[in-house]
């Protein structure tokens, strides 16, 4: 019998919504959006008012991938003060 290789496709099995506060305010909003858009796991960016400045929808393949995105990419961005992570149990698109 011959051997064969099956390429694995990274699928999004964990959906996590992250809220991010940064102290630069909206003066650097377009720069922030540009930086966040370059992260493949970031699927949605919302600039909001209230306790947080930004809410993201991040889809990571597993907890290791999620940890990399949070610690190595999001928290390393200039001006990021704090992040809070909320697990999404169900995501319903109403449109």
C-alpha atoms as a PDB file:
ATOM      1  CA  UNK A   1       0.000   0.000   0.000  1.00  0.00           C
ATOM      2  CA  UNK A   2       1.146   3.489  -0.759  1.00  0.00           C
ATOM      3  CA  UNK A   3       1.076   6.288   1.746  1.00  0.00           C
ATOM      4  CA  UNK A   4      -0.717   9.553   1.279  1.00  0.00           C
ATOM      5  CA  UNK A   5      -0.895  12.910   3.001  1.00  0.00           C
ATOM      6  CA  UNK A   6      -4.037  14.806   3.807  1.00  0.00           C
ATOM      7  CA  UNK A   7      -3.539  18.550   4.068  1.00  0.00           C
ATOM      8  CA  UNK A   8      -5.259  19.965   7.132  1.00  0.00           C
ATOM      9  CA  UNK A   9      -7.326  23.064   6.643  1.00  0.00           C
ATOM     10  CA  UNK A  10      -7.493  25.371   9.640  1.00  0.00           C
ATOM     11  CA  UNK A  11     -11.164  25.720  10.466  1.00  0.00           C
ATOM     12  CA  UNK A  12     -12.682  28.149  12.908  1.00  0.00           C
ATOM     13  CA  UNK A  13     -14.060  26.043  15.721  1.00  0.00           C
ATOM     14  CA  UNK A  14     -13.860  28.608  18.503  1.00  0.00           C
ATOM     15  CA  UNK A  15     -15.500  32.000  18.253  1.00  0.00           C
ATOM     16  CA  UNK A  16     -14.393  34.493  20.851  1.00  0.00           C
ATOM     17  CA  UNK A  17     -15.396  38.099  21.150  1.00  0.00           C
ATOM     18  CA  UNK A  18     -12.773  40.390  22.622  1.00  0.00           C
ATOM     19  CA  UNK A  19     -13.297  43.888  23.908  1.00  0.00           C
ATOM     20  CA  UNK A  20     -10.267  46.140  23.844  1.00  0.00           C
ATOM     21  CA  UNK A  21      -9.660  49.457  25.559  1.00  0.00           C
ATOM     22  CA  UNK A  22      -6.859  51.689  24.468  1.00  0.00           C
ATOM     23  CA  UNK A  23      -5.876  55.024  25.905  1.00  0.00           C
ATOM     24  CA  UNK A  24      -5.292  56.827  22.606  1.00  0.00           C
ATOM     25  CA  UNK A  25      -9.021  57.467  22.163  1.00  0.00           C
ATOM     26  CA  UNK A  26     -10.536  58.013  18.728  1.00  0.00           C
ATOM     27  CA  UNK A  27      -7.656  60.227  17.545  1.00  0.00           C
ATOM     28  CA  UNK A  28      -5.944  57.062  16.296  1.00  0.00           C
ATOM     29  CA  UNK A  29      -9.083  55.132  15.321  1.00  0.00           C
ATOM     30  CA  UNK A  30      -8.182  54.738  11.637  1.00  0.00           C
ATOM     31  CA  UNK A  31      -4.689  53.516  12.537  1.00  0.00           C
ATOM     32  CA  UNK A  32      -6.199  51.072  15.036  1.00  0.00           C
ATOM     33  CA  UNK A  33      -8.649  49.730  12.435  1.00  0.00           C
ATOM     34  CA  UNK A  34      -5.812  49.303   9.944  1.00  0.00           C
ATOM     35  CA  UNK A  35      -3.695  47.356  12.459  1.00  0.00           C
ATOM     36  CA  UNK A  36      -6.612  45.167  13.592  1.00  0.00           C
ATOM     37  CA  UNK A  37      -7.649  44.473   9.995  1.00  0.00           C
ATOM     38  CA  UNK A  38      -4.230  42.984   9.313  1.00  0.00           C
ATOM     39  CA  UNK A  39      -4.817  40.229  11.911  1.00  0.00           C
ATOM     40  CA  UNK A  40      -6.430  37.273  10.059  1.00  0.00           C
ATOM     41  CA  UNK A  41      -8.333  36.042  13.142  1.00  0.00           C
ATOM     42  CA  UNK A  42     -10.141  39.408  13.537  1.00  0.00           C
ATOM     43  CA  UNK A  43     -13.457  39.056  11.692  1.00  0.00           C
ATOM     44  CA  UNK A  44     -15.313  42.160  12.880  1.00  0.00           C
ATOM     45  CA  UNK A  45     -14.251  45.513  14.348  1.00  0.00           C
ATOM     46  CA  UNK A  46     -16.644  47.946  16.047  1.00  0.00           C
ATOM     47  CA  UNK A  47     -15.650  51.319  17.472  1.00  0.00           C
ATOM     48  CA  UNK A  48     -17.997  51.940  20.382  1.00  0.00           C
ATOM     49  CA  UNK A  49     -18.742  54.440  23.122  1.00  0.00           C
ATOM     50  CA  UNK A  50     -18.930  53.527  26.782  1.00  0.00           C
ATOM     51  CA  UNK A  51     -16.566  51.498  28.918  1.00  0.00           C
ATOM     52  CA  UNK A  52     -14.618  50.222  25.889  1.00  0.00           C
ATOM     53  CA  UNK A  53     -13.346  51.798  22.693  1.00  0.00           C
ATOM     54  CA  UNK A  54     -13.322  48.708  20.464  1.00  0.00           C
ATOM     55  CA  UNK A  55     -15.213  45.410  20.317  1.00  0.00           C
ATOM     56  CA  UNK A  56     -13.765  42.658  18.136  1.00  0.00           C
ATOM     57  CA  UNK A  57     -15.027  39.328  16.936  1.00  0.00           C
ATOM     58  CA  UNK A  58     -12.027  37.018  16.857  1.00  0.00           C
ATOM     59  CA  UNK A  59     -12.241  33.484  15.499  1.00  0.00           C
ATOM     60  CA  UNK A  60      -9.383  31.306  16.675  1.00  0.00           C
ATOM     61  CA  UNK A  61      -8.801  27.633  15.928  1.00  0.00           C
ATOM     62  CA  UNK A  62      -8.048  26.719  19.562  1.00  0.00           C
ATOM     63  CA  UNK A  63      -6.981  28.207  22.893  1.00  0.00           C
ATOM     64  CA  UNK A  64      -3.308  28.233  21.907  1.00  0.00           C
ATOM     65  CA  UNK A  65      -4.133  30.232  18.793  1.00  0.00           C
ATOM     66  CA  UNK A  66      -6.385  32.539  20.796  1.00  0.00           C
ATOM     67  CA  UNK A  67      -3.635  33.118  23.365  1.00  0.00           C
ATOM     68  CA  UNK A  68      -1.202  34.022  20.567  1.00  0.00           C
ATOM     69  CA  UNK A  69      -3.638  36.534  19.077  1.00  0.00           C
ATOM     70  CA  UNK A  70      -4.396  38.169  22.434  1.00  0.00           C
ATOM     71  CA  UNK A  71      -0.914  38.295  23.963  1.00  0.00           C
ATOM     72  CA  UNK A  72       1.337  38.543  20.915  1.00  0.00           C
ATOM     73  CA  UNK A  73      -0.767  40.744  18.669  1.00  0.00           C
ATOM     74  CA  UNK A  74      -3.603  42.607  20.390  1.00  0.00           C
ATOM     75  CA  UNK A  75      -1.959  43.455  23.705  1.00  0.00           C
ATOM     76  CA  UNK A  76       1.272  44.342  21.894  1.00  0.00           C
ATOM     77  CA  UNK A  77      -0.466  47.123  19.940  1.00  0.00           C
ATOM     78  CA  UNK A  78       0.574  50.634  21.022  1.00  0.00           C
ATOM     79  CA  UNK A  79      -1.966  52.240  23.340  1.00  0.00           C
ATOM     80  CA  UNK A  80      -3.826  49.076  24.349  1.00  0.00           C
ATOM     81  CA  UNK A  81      -4.618  49.482  28.035  1.00  0.00           C
ATOM     82  CA  UNK A  82      -6.652  46.402  28.755  1.00  0.00           C
ATOM     83  CA  UNK A  83      -8.436  43.514  27.070  1.00  0.00           C
ATOM     84  CA  UNK A  84     -11.374  41.468  28.239  1.00  0.00           C
ATOM     85  CA  UNK A  85     -12.346  38.209  26.567  1.00  0.00           C
ATOM     86  CA  UNK A  86     -15.883  36.876  26.286  1.00  0.00           C
ATOM     87  CA  UNK A  87     -16.594  33.410  24.919  1.00  0.00           C
ATOM     88  CA  UNK A  88     -19.317  33.316  22.259  1.00  0.00           C
ATOM     89  CA  UNK A  89     -21.507  30.237  22.769  1.00  0.00           C
ATOM     90  CA  UNK A  90     -23.767  30.910  19.792  1.00  0.00           C
ATOM     91  CA  UNK A  91     -23.486  33.379  16.943  1.00  0.00           C
ATOM     92  CA  UNK A  92     -26.708  34.196  15.068  1.00  0.00           C
ATOM     93  CA  UNK A  93     -26.648  36.302  11.920  1.00  0.00           C
ATOM     94  CA  UNK A  94     -30.087  37.907  11.564  1.00  0.00           C
ATOM     95  CA  UNK A  95     -29.530  39.301   8.074  1.00  0.00           C
END
